[in-house]
Amino acid sequence: MAFFSKNQQEPIPEVETKVWSCTSQDCSGWMRDGLSFEAKPACPLCKCEMELETRVLPELS
């Protein structure tokens, strides 16, 4: 007899992803580049400038 658990899922692959990161020392806001509507967005949390960087994140399907 086989037992199955809902907790056993295939791992989600991680990929290098371009993100916009807030430049403020007091804010940890960031967003994926592909989900931004502006060419150079302002931080949605504190309205400071953001800079482009690369992070390893779970791949979106």
Protein backbone atom coordinates (compact mmCIF):
# COMPACT_ATOMS: atom_id res chain seq x y z
CA MET A 1 0.00 0.00 0.00
CA ALA A 2 1.40 3.42 -0.98
CA PHE A 3 0.99 6.54 1.13
CA PHE A 4 0.96 9.99 -0.40
CA SER A 5 1.52 13.28 1.33
CA LYS A 6 0.34 16.69 0.18
CA ASN A 7 3.66 18.10 1.39
CA GLN A 8 5.70 16.21 -1.21
CA GLN A 9 5.90 18.50 -4.22
CA GLU A 10 8.42 18.81 -6.99
CA PRO A 11 10.95 21.54 -6.28
CA ILE A 12 10.35 24.76 -8.21
CA PRO A 13 13.33 25.53 -10.46
CA GLU A 14 15.19 28.74 -9.66
CA VAL A 15 16.55 31.05 -12.36
CA GLU A 16 18.56 34.26 -12.49
CA THR A 17 15.99 37.06 -12.72
CA LYS A 18 16.35 40.81 -13.29
CA VAL A 19 14.71 42.75 -10.47
CA TRP A 20 14.33 46.38 -9.46
CA SER A 21 15.62 46.92 -5.92
CA CYS A 22 14.96 49.99 -3.75
CA THR A 23 18.03 52.16 -3.15
CA SER A 24 16.85 53.33 0.30
CA GLN A 25 18.74 51.81 3.26
CA ASP A 26 15.49 51.75 5.28
CA CYS A 27 13.43 49.88 2.67
CA SER A 28 13.71 46.32 1.38
CA GLY A 29 11.27 46.74 -1.53
CA TRP A 30 11.91 45.00 -4.85
CA MET A 31 9.97 43.79 -7.90
CA ARG A 32 10.63 41.59 -10.91
CA ASP A 33 11.63 43.59 -14.00
CA GLY A 34 9.03 41.83 -16.16
CA LEU A 35 6.21 42.87 -13.81
CA SER A 36 7.01 46.59 -13.84
CA PHE A 37 4.92 48.93 -16.00
CA GLU A 38 7.59 51.69 -16.08
CA ALA A 39 11.02 51.84 -17.73
CA LYS A 40 12.58 52.98 -14.41
CA PRO A 41 10.06 52.49 -11.59
CA ALA A 42 9.91 54.20 -8.21
CA CYS A 43 9.65 51.98 -5.15
CA PRO A 44 5.96 51.18 -4.51
CA LEU A 45 6.60 51.18 -0.74
CA CYS A 46 8.63 54.36 -0.14
CA LYS A 47 8.72 56.08 -3.58
CA CYS A 48 12.57 56.17 -3.67
CA GLU A 49 14.60 55.36 -6.77
CA MET A 50 15.19 51.74 -7.71
CA GLU A 51 18.17 50.09 -9.40
CA LEU A 52 18.34 47.03 -11.62
CA GLU A 53 20.05 43.93 -10.20
CA THR A 54 19.96 40.15 -10.63
CA ARG A 55 18.64 37.63 -8.08
CA VAL A 56 18.07 33.89 -8.12
CA LEU A 57 14.31 33.42 -7.71
CA PRO A 58 11.75 30.67 -8.26
CA GLU A 59 10.70 30.54 -11.91
CA LEU A 60 7.22 31.88 -12.68
CA SER A 61 5.10 29.64 -14.84
